[in-house]
């Protein structure tokens, strides 16, 4: 998607303002102008710009003072100084205050456009660095869909077809089936593939944190907000925001999300400047949202906004022919396990199990099997590995069964039944 760069030109020379606005607006820029620093500050409070072009010597509030106020307010824009009369010392001061570059008048228009584009790239890189630091926890194993079964071929064909649209997509399926993999595939195959993919698990973080994660906040918005934080909506700009387990989102947050979807605008917490956002929403749930609608726990207006297209991901028990390929993929991720083989009997055991935790549970069990030694014949080996794995996860969660079930990718009732079978009590 072609992204237009938002530029604010602050200069007291009317002719220069008008010429630069006309020339830049004819290209890939959205240009606003202000005749002084005093006139610019209200614009900066209400709007978000990618690049500011700032004259240092103006009547009233000069460029250096504008820079100082912007730095104090932590306004996220790259600044290009444009002046005819500045000294070396003022240029150095401007750069110390965060200016990206410094150009003298009269400026060559081609050079000017090139510097603006570079400044914009620098701003994007800063946002991407924040995004990478926040989301490097995504594992490389969650980057591809594995399977050649008929249901998976149909699913992949649907993903390719839907990806090229900009429709909101709701991915439905049981826990552990790989809903985030589908979301990743939709993003990679879309026109937004060069933009960021930003996931948020609505069921994994406290309700009180979801709002600040999504919208970000300004310095001083609440106790502990010591600096501005960009929200995931901003970080996902021109890309995809993936809302996993959206069925766990509270009704108040559903209302706020609906407004963003309808208006493409939002405020940071504690902010007074309304921000635009260009983002595709992909959601996922393991709940029956239509049943949630009937119960009144999920808003119908939000449901129809996020479910422009619904993609149903099949459970592993409906595509057991894919199990050998998934096992091979698990092995290939570690050099030491590449030549390790599962016997036919062991593979039969894997295919014979119902896998309530789906691919996530299979992956965990295979990893334990690979670490435990040769995968010889007989079903007891797998059952022993599964039992040890479940008890190990339960111990890591301090005996908390809800957390253990979530980590295993199985329903708490399934965990209780298995523990009863192991003689671990109720």
Protein backbone atom coordinates (compact mmCIF):
# COMPACT_ATOMS: atom_id res chain seq x y z
CA UNK A 1 0.00 0.00 0.00
CA UNK A 2 1.28 3.45 -0.91
CA UNK A 3 1.77 5.42 2.29
CA UNK A 4 1.42 9.20 2.18
CA UNK A 5 3.79 11.12 4.43
CA UNK A 6 2.18 13.73 6.70
CA UNK A 7 4.27 16.93 6.77
CA UNK A 8 3.85 20.19 8.72
CA UNK A 9 5.77 23.20 7.38
CA UNK A 10 6.34 25.97 9.95
CA UNK A 11 7.78 29.09 8.29
CA UNK A 12 6.93 32.81 8.39
CA UNK A 13 7.62 33.30 4.67
CA UNK A 14 4.22 33.05 2.98
CA UNK A 15 5.52 32.51 -0.56
CA UNK A 16 7.83 29.72 0.57
CA UNK A 17 5.05 28.01 2.52
CA UNK A 18 2.68 28.11 -0.43
CA UNK A 19 5.25 26.91 -2.97
CA UNK A 20 6.42 24.00 -0.79
CA UNK A 21 2.84 23.01 0.04
CA UNK A 22 1.80 23.03 -3.61
CA UNK A 23 4.86 21.10 -4.83
CA UNK A 24 4.84 18.46 -2.09
CA UNK A 25 1.06 17.95 -2.16
CA UNK A 26 1.30 17.00 -5.83
CA UNK A 27 3.35 13.96 -4.82
CA UNK A 28 3.19 11.45 -1.98
CA UNK A 29 2.83 14.00 0.81
CA UNK A 30 -0.07 15.39 2.86
CA UNK A 31 1.05 18.91 3.73
CA UNK A 32 -0.17 21.34 6.38
CA UNK A 33 1.36 24.77 7.05
CA UNK A 34 1.72 27.22 9.94
CA UNK A 35 3.13 30.75 9.81
CA UNK A 36 4.73 30.67 13.26
CA UNK A 37 5.61 28.51 16.21
CA UNK A 38 2.62 29.89 18.11
CA UNK A 39 0.26 28.77 15.33
CA UNK A 40 2.01 25.39 15.02
CA UNK A 41 1.67 24.24 18.64
CA UNK A 42 -2.16 23.89 18.57
CA UNK A 43 -1.82 21.82 15.37
CA UNK A 44 0.75 19.58 17.05
CA UNK A 45 -1.59 19.06 19.99
CA UNK A 46 -4.48 17.94 17.78
CA UNK A 47 -2.74 16.08 14.94
CA UNK A 48 0.05 13.59 14.37
CA UNK A 49 2.71 14.35 11.75
CA UNK A 50 5.51 12.22 10.36
CA UNK A 51 7.90 15.09 9.53
CA UNK A 52 8.10 18.74 10.61
CA UNK A 53 9.90 21.35 8.51
CA UNK A 54 10.82 24.12 10.91
CA UNK A 55 12.29 27.59 10.39
CA UNK A 56 14.56 28.59 13.26
CA UNK A 57 14.14 32.36 12.97
CA UNK A 58 10.51 33.44 13.18
CA UNK A 59 8.67 36.27 14.97
CA UNK A 60 7.24 35.23 18.31
CA UNK A 61 7.97 31.61 19.21
CA UNK A 62 11.17 30.66 17.37
CA UNK A 63 12.24 27.28 16.09
CA UNK A 64 14.50 26.39 19.04
CA UNK A 65 11.66 27.04 21.49
CA UNK A 66 9.30 24.91 19.38
CA UNK A 67 11.88 22.11 19.47
CA UNK A 68 12.16 22.38 23.26
CA UNK A 69 8.39 22.22 23.72
CA UNK A 70 8.13 19.26 21.36
CA UNK A 71 10.85 17.41 23.25
CA UNK A 72 9.16 18.12 26.58
CA UNK A 73 5.85 16.83 25.22
CA UNK A 74 7.55 13.82 23.57
CA UNK A 75 5.87 14.51 20.22
CA UNK A 76 6.84 11.69 17.80
CA UNK A 77 7.92 13.45 14.59
CA UNK A 78 11.21 13.85 12.77
CA UNK A 79 12.26 17.49 12.38
CA UNK A 80 14.08 19.14 9.49
CA UNK A 81 15.51 22.60 10.17
CA UNK A 82 15.12 25.04 7.25
CA UNK A 83 16.63 28.52 7.60
CA UNK A 84 18.70 31.18 5.91
CA UNK A 85 20.34 32.90 8.85
CA UNK A 86 21.30 30.37 11.49
CA UNK A 87 24.78 30.08 12.94
CA UNK A 88 26.71 26.85 13.54
CA UNK A 89 25.87 27.05 17.26
CA UNK A 90 22.10 27.19 16.62
CA UNK A 91 22.38 24.29 14.21
CA UNK A 92 24.22 22.22 16.82
CA UNK A 93 21.64 23.16 19.45
CA UNK A 94 18.83 22.12 17.11
CA UNK A 95 20.47 18.75 16.46
CA UNK A 96 20.95 18.18 20.20
CA UNK A 97 17.25 18.83 20.68
CA UNK A 98 16.47 16.03 18.26
CA UNK A 99 16.36 17.59 14.77
CA UNK A 100 16.92 15.00 12.04
CA UNK A 101 18.68 17.25 9.52
CA UNK A 102 19.55 20.85 8.70
CA UNK A 103 19.07 22.59 5.33
CA UNK A 104 19.84 26.14 4.25
CA UNK A 105 17.56 28.33 2.12
CA UNK A 106 17.12 28.47 -0.79
CA UNK A 107 16.60 24.73 -0.85
CA UNK A 108 16.67 22.44 -3.87
CA UNK A 109 13.23 20.81 -4.12
CA UNK A 110 14.54 17.35 -5.12
CA UNK A 111 16.99 17.37 -2.22
CA UNK A 112 14.24 18.61 0.08
CA UNK A 113 11.88 15.74 -0.85
CA UNK A 114 14.70 13.22 -0.46
CA UNK A 115 15.49 14.45 3.06
CA UNK A 116 11.82 14.32 4.06
CA UNK A 117 11.60 10.70 2.86
CA UNK A 118 14.73 9.76 4.79
CA UNK A 119 13.37 11.44 7.91
CA UNK A 120 10.13 9.49 7.51
CA UNK A 121 12.07 6.23 7.17
CA UNK A 122 13.94 7.10 10.38
CA UNK A 123 10.62 7.58 12.19
CA UNK A 124 9.34 4.24 10.91
CA UNK A 125 12.53 2.49 12.03
CA UNK A 126 12.12 3.84 15.55
CA UNK A 127 8.58 2.44 15.71
CA UNK A 128 9.73 -0.89 14.29
CA UNK A 129 12.49 -1.14 16.92
CA UNK A 130 9.89 -0.68 19.66
CA UNK A 131 7.76 -3.34 18.00
CA UNK A 132 10.64 -5.82 17.73
CA UNK A 133 11.61 -5.37 21.36
CA UNK A 134 8.02 -5.98 22.41
CA UNK A 135 7.31 -9.01 20.24
CA UNK A 136 10.57 -10.97 19.74
CA UNK A 137 9.05 -13.65 21.98
CA UNK A 138 7.17 -15.07 18.99
CA UNK A 139 8.75 -18.43 18.27
CA UNK A 140 10.03 -19.38 14.84
CA UNK A 141 8.00 -22.59 14.95
CA UNK A 142 4.85 -20.50 14.71
CA UNK A 143 5.62 -19.19 11.25
CA UNK A 144 4.22 -21.83 8.93
CA UNK A 145 1.20 -24.03 8.45
CA UNK A 146 1.93 -27.76 8.25
CA UNK A 147 -0.39 -30.17 6.49
CA UNK A 148 -1.49 -31.66 3.18
CA UNK A 149 -4.83 -33.12 4.26
CA UNK A 150 -7.90 -32.11 2.21
CA UNK A 151 -9.23 -29.90 5.02
CA UNK A 152 -5.87 -28.10 5.29
CA UNK A 153 -5.62 -27.62 1.53
CA UNK A 154 -9.10 -26.09 1.57
CA UNK A 155 -8.14 -23.89 4.52
CA UNK A 156 -4.96 -22.64 2.82
CA UNK A 157 -6.87 -21.89 -0.38
CA UNK A 158 -9.36 -19.83 1.65
CA UNK A 159 -6.52 -17.98 3.38
CA UNK A 160 -4.93 -17.03 0.05
CA UNK A 161 -8.26 -15.81 -1.32
CA UNK A 162 -9.22 -13.78 1.74
CA UNK A 163 -5.74 -12.38 2.37
CA UNK A 164 -5.80 -10.15 -0.73
CA UNK A 165 -8.89 -8.34 0.52
CA UNK A 166 -8.87 -5.87 3.39
CA UNK A 167 -11.84 -7.50 5.13
CA UNK A 168 -11.80 -8.02 8.88
CA UNK A 169 -11.33 -11.75 9.53
CA UNK A 170 -12.50 -13.84 12.48
CA UNK A 171 -10.56 -17.09 12.95
CA UNK A 172 -12.51 -19.70 14.91
CA UNK A 173 -11.20 -22.94 16.34
CA UNK A 174 -10.27 -24.88 19.46
CA UNK A 175 -7.28 -23.99 21.62
CA UNK A 176 -4.00 -25.18 20.14
CA UNK A 177 -5.11 -25.51 16.49
CA UNK A 178 -2.80 -22.70 15.31
CA UNK A 179 -5.06 -19.69 14.94
CA UNK A 180 -2.10 -17.29 15.13
CA UNK A 181 -0.47 -19.23 12.28
CA UNK A 182 -3.54 -18.51 10.15
CA UNK A 183 -3.41 -14.84 11.13
CA UNK A 184 0.28 -14.70 10.19
CA UNK A 185 -0.47 -16.33 6.84
CA UNK A 186 -3.27 -13.85 6.14
CA UNK A 187 -0.85 -11.02 6.83
CA UNK A 188 2.02 -12.44 4.77
CA UNK A 189 -0.24 -12.99 1.75
CA UNK A 190 -1.84 -9.54 1.97
CA UNK A 191 -0.98 -6.13 0.50
CA UNK A 192 0.09 -5.19 4.04
CA UNK A 193 2.87 -7.80 4.17
CA UNK A 194 5.58 -5.10 4.32
CA UNK A 195 3.88 -3.60 7.37
CA UNK A 196 3.99 -4.91 10.94
CA UNK A 197 2.06 -7.89 12.32
CA UNK A 198 1.13 -7.09 15.93
CA UNK A 199 -0.51 -9.74 18.15
CA UNK A 200 -2.39 -9.21 21.41
CA UNK A 201 -3.81 -12.12 23.42
CA UNK A 202 -6.90 -10.66 25.09
CA UNK A 203 -7.15 -13.62 27.46
CA UNK A 204 -3.53 -13.64 28.60
CA UNK A 205 -3.18 -10.18 30.16
CA UNK A 206 -5.22 -8.51 32.91
CA UNK A 207 -8.29 -6.61 31.75
CA UNK A 208 -6.91 -3.42 33.28
CA UNK A 209 -3.87 -3.60 30.98
CA UNK A 210 -5.62 -4.26 27.66
CA UNK A 211 -6.64 -0.63 27.17
CA UNK A 212 -3.14 0.76 27.74
CA UNK A 213 -1.64 -1.98 25.54
CA UNK A 214 -3.99 -1.17 22.67
CA UNK A 215 -4.12 2.61 22.88
CA UNK A 216 -0.84 3.49 24.58
CA UNK A 217 -0.61 6.38 27.01
CA UNK A 218 0.89 9.80 27.60
CA UNK A 219 3.42 10.64 30.25
CA UNK A 220 1.59 11.18 33.54
CA UNK A 221 -1.65 9.53 32.35
CA UNK A 222 -1.65 7.42 35.53
CA UNK A 223 0.64 6.47 38.38
CA UNK A 224 3.71 4.81 36.90
CA UNK A 225 3.33 6.37 33.44
CA UNK A 226 6.76 7.98 33.46
CA UNK A 227 7.04 8.34 29.67
CA UNK A 228 4.85 8.16 26.61
CA UNK A 229 4.18 4.61 25.39
CA UNK A 230 2.94 3.87 21.88
CA UNK A 231 0.02 1.46 21.81
CA UNK A 232 -0.27 -1.61 19.63
CA UNK A 233 -2.73 0.20 17.36
CA UNK A 234 0.00 2.72 16.47
CA UNK A 235 2.65 0.05 16.14
CA UNK A 236 0.39 -1.87 13.76
CA UNK A 237 -0.09 1.16 11.48
CA UNK A 238 -0.27 0.11 7.80
CA UNK A 239 -0.15 -3.51 8.94
CA UNK A 240 -2.24 -6.04 10.83
CA UNK A 241 -3.46 -6.10 14.44
CA UNK A 242 -4.22 -9.65 15.61
CA UNK A 243 -6.60 -9.86 18.58
CA UNK A 244 -6.38 -13.42 19.88
CA UNK A 245 -9.11 -14.77 22.17
CA UNK A 246 -11.29 -11.72 21.51
CA UNK A 247 -14.19 -13.54 23.15
CA UNK A 248 -12.51 -12.83 26.51
CA UNK A 249 -12.66 -9.04 25.97
CA UNK A 250 -14.91 -7.17 28.40
CA UNK A 251 -17.95 -5.24 27.21
CA UNK A 252 -16.43 -1.81 28.02
CA UNK A 253 -13.37 -2.67 25.93
CA UNK A 254 -15.61 -4.01 23.17
CA UNK A 255 -17.26 -0.57 22.95
CA UNK A 256 -13.88 1.17 22.71
CA UNK A 257 -12.61 -1.23 20.07
CA UNK A 258 -15.81 -0.81 18.05
CA UNK A 259 -15.28 2.96 17.96
CA UNK A 260 -11.75 2.52 16.60
CA UNK A 261 -12.98 0.14 13.91
CA UNK A 262 -15.79 2.48 12.89
CA UNK A 263 -13.84 5.76 12.92
CA UNK A 264 -10.20 4.68 12.47
CA UNK A 265 -9.38 7.19 15.22
CA UNK A 266 -8.47 6.97 18.90
CA UNK A 267 -6.81 8.79 21.81
CA UNK A 268 -3.88 7.59 23.86
CA UNK A 269 -4.75 7.31 27.56
CA UNK A 270 -4.34 10.78 29.01
CA UNK A 271 -3.99 12.26 25.52
CA UNK A 272 -5.83 15.17 23.92
CA UNK A 273 -4.68 14.57 20.34
CA UNK A 274 -6.90 12.22 18.32
CA UNK A 275 -4.82 9.88 16.19
CA UNK A 276 -5.62 8.26 12.85
CA UNK A 277 -4.93 4.57 12.35
CA UNK A 278 -4.80 2.49 9.17
CA UNK A 279 -4.83 -1.11 10.32
CA UNK A 280 -6.47 -4.41 9.40
CA UNK A 281 -8.12 -6.24 12.28
CA UNK A 282 -7.84 -10.03 12.43
CA UNK A 283 -9.44 -11.68 15.46
CA UNK A 284 -9.50 -15.21 16.83
CA UNK A 285 -11.58 -17.10 19.37
CA UNK A 286 -12.05 -20.59 20.77
CA UNK A 287 -15.55 -19.63 21.90
CA UNK A 288 -18.86 -19.87 20.05
CA UNK A 289 -19.37 -16.13 19.62
CA UNK A 290 -22.91 -16.58 18.28
CA UNK A 291 -23.79 -18.29 21.56
CA UNK A 292 -22.07 -15.41 23.39
CA UNK A 293 -24.27 -13.00 21.41
CA UNK A 294 -27.39 -14.85 22.56
CA UNK A 295 -26.18 -14.64 26.18
CA UNK A 296 -25.47 -10.93 25.78
CA UNK A 297 -21.78 -11.24 26.74
CA UNK A 298 -20.53 -10.21 23.29
CA UNK A 299 -21.82 -7.19 21.35
CA UNK A 300 -23.55 -7.96 18.08
CA UNK A 301 -22.38 -4.70 16.46
CA UNK A 302 -18.75 -5.57 17.20
CA UNK A 303 -19.24 -9.17 16.06
CA UNK A 304 -20.45 -8.11 12.61
CA UNK A 305 -17.52 -5.67 12.35
CA UNK A 306 -14.83 -8.25 13.12
CA UNK A 307 -16.44 -11.15 11.25
CA UNK A 308 -16.43 -9.79 7.72
CA UNK A 309 -15.10 -13.25 6.87
CA UNK A 310 -15.00 -16.22 9.26
CA UNK A 311 -12.28 -18.86 8.86
CA UNK A 312 -12.81 -22.14 10.72
CA UNK A 313 -9.62 -24.03 11.66
CA UNK A 314 -10.13 -27.81 11.98
CA UNK A 315 -8.98 -29.65 15.12
CA UNK A 316 -6.10 -32.10 14.77
CA UNK A 317 -8.43 -35.12 15.26
CA UNK A 318 -10.06 -34.20 11.92
CA UNK A 319 -6.75 -34.22 10.03
CA UNK A 320 -4.72 -37.03 11.58
CA UNK A 321 -3.04 -37.71 8.23
CA UNK A 322 -1.03 -34.51 8.90
CA UNK A 323 0.49 -35.86 12.13
CA UNK A 324 3.63 -37.42 10.49
CA UNK A 325 4.42 -34.09 8.73
CA UNK A 326 4.00 -32.15 11.99
CA UNK A 327 6.27 -34.62 13.79
CA UNK A 328 8.92 -34.24 11.05
CA UNK A 329 8.68 -30.46 11.34
CA UNK A 330 9.24 -30.68 15.12
CA UNK A 331 12.30 -32.87 14.55
CA UNK A 332 13.76 -30.63 11.84
CA UNK A 333 13.84 -27.61 14.13
CA UNK A 334 16.71 -29.14 16.18
CA UNK A 335 19.83 -30.43 14.41
CA UNK A 336 20.38 -33.19 16.98
CA UNK A 337 16.94 -34.68 16.33
CA UNK A 338 16.91 -34.59 12.51
CA UNK A 339 17.95 -38.24 12.13
CA UNK A 340 15.91 -39.55 15.07
CA UNK A 341 13.07 -41.81 13.94
CA UNK A 342 9.66 -42.69 15.35
CA UNK A 343 8.78 -46.35 14.87
CA UNK A 344 5.64 -47.28 12.96
CA UNK A 345 4.09 -48.43 16.24
CA UNK A 346 4.86 -45.10 17.92
CA UNK A 347 3.40 -43.21 14.97
CA UNK A 348 0.26 -45.40 15.20
CA UNK A 349 -0.06 -44.39 18.85
CA UNK A 350 0.21 -40.73 17.90
CA UNK A 351 -2.45 -41.16 15.22
CA UNK A 352 -4.71 -43.08 17.57
CA UNK A 353 -4.84 -40.37 20.23
CA UNK A 354 -7.65 -37.74 20.15
CA UNK A 355 -5.34 -34.75 20.87
CA UNK A 356 -7.71 -32.49 22.83
CA UNK A 357 -4.89 -29.92 22.96
CA UNK A 358 -4.48 -30.15 19.18
CA UNK A 359 -1.16 -29.27 17.48
CA UNK A 360 0.18 -27.54 20.59
CA UNK A 361 -0.24 -30.71 22.64
CA UNK A 362 1.26 -32.88 19.89
CA UNK A 363 4.28 -30.61 19.63
CA UNK A 364 4.87 -30.72 23.39
CA UNK A 365 4.58 -34.51 23.54
CA UNK A 366 6.91 -35.00 20.54
CA UNK A 367 9.51 -32.71 22.09
CA UNK A 368 9.42 -34.73 25.30
CA UNK A 369 9.71 -37.97 23.31
CA UNK A 370 12.73 -36.67 21.41
CA UNK A 371 14.43 -35.67 24.65
CA UNK A 372 13.65 -38.97 26.38
CA UNK A 373 15.57 -41.29 24.11
CA UNK A 374 14.79 -43.70 21.26
CA UNK A 375 11.14 -43.75 20.12
CA UNK A 376 10.72 -47.61 20.27
CA UNK A 377 7.62 -49.60 19.66
CA UNK A 378 4.66 -49.70 22.02
CA UNK A 379 2.06 -47.26 23.25
CA UNK A 380 3.24 -47.18 26.86
CA UNK A 381 6.20 -44.96 26.01
CA UNK A 382 3.96 -42.15 24.70
CA UNK A 383 1.56 -42.43 27.61
CA UNK A 384 4.45 -42.24 30.08
CA UNK A 385 5.86 -39.21 28.28
CA UNK A 386 2.47 -37.50 28.27
CA UNK A 387 1.97 -38.19 31.99
CA UNK A 388 5.43 -36.86 32.87
CA UNK A 389 4.91 -33.82 30.70
CA UNK A 390 1.54 -32.95 32.27
CA UNK A 391 2.87 -33.37 35.80
CA UNK A 392 5.93 -31.26 34.95
CA UNK A 393 3.77 -28.43 33.59
CA UNK A 394 1.50 -28.67 36.64
CA UNK A 395 4.52 -28.38 38.92
CA UNK A 396 5.80 -25.33 37.00
CA UNK A 397 2.45 -23.59 37.57
CA UNK A 398 2.59 -24.32 41.29
CA UNK A 399 -0.29 -26.78 41.01
CA UNK A 400 -2.59 -24.22 39.40
CA UNK A 401 -4.74 -26.40 37.15
CA UNK A 402 -6.29 -23.60 35.07
CA UNK A 403 -2.84 -22.26 34.16
CA UNK A 404 -1.51 -25.75 33.50
CA UNK A 405 -4.45 -26.56 31.21
CA UNK A 406 -3.87 -23.34 29.28
CA UNK A 407 -0.14 -24.08 28.89
CA UNK A 408 -0.94 -27.63 27.71
CA UNK A 409 -3.60 -26.41 25.29
CA UNK A 410 -6.32 -28.62 26.80
CA UNK A 411 -9.60 -27.93 28.61
CA UNK A 412 -9.41 -27.91 32.45
CA UNK A 413 -11.93 -30.79 32.52
CA UNK A 414 -9.59 -32.85 30.34
CA UNK A 415 -6.72 -32.12 32.73
CA UNK A 416 -8.82 -33.15 35.75
CA UNK A 417 -9.75 -36.42 34.05
CA UNK A 418 -6.13 -37.21 33.17
CA UNK A 419 -4.95 -36.43 36.70
CA UNK A 420 -7.65 -38.76 38.06
CA UNK A 421 -6.41 -41.49 35.69
CA UNK A 422 -2.88 -40.91 37.04
CA UNK A 423 -4.15 -41.28 40.61
CA UNK A 424 -3.32 -37.67 41.37
CA UNK A 425 -6.72 -37.01 42.96
CA UNK A 426 -9.24 -34.25 42.38
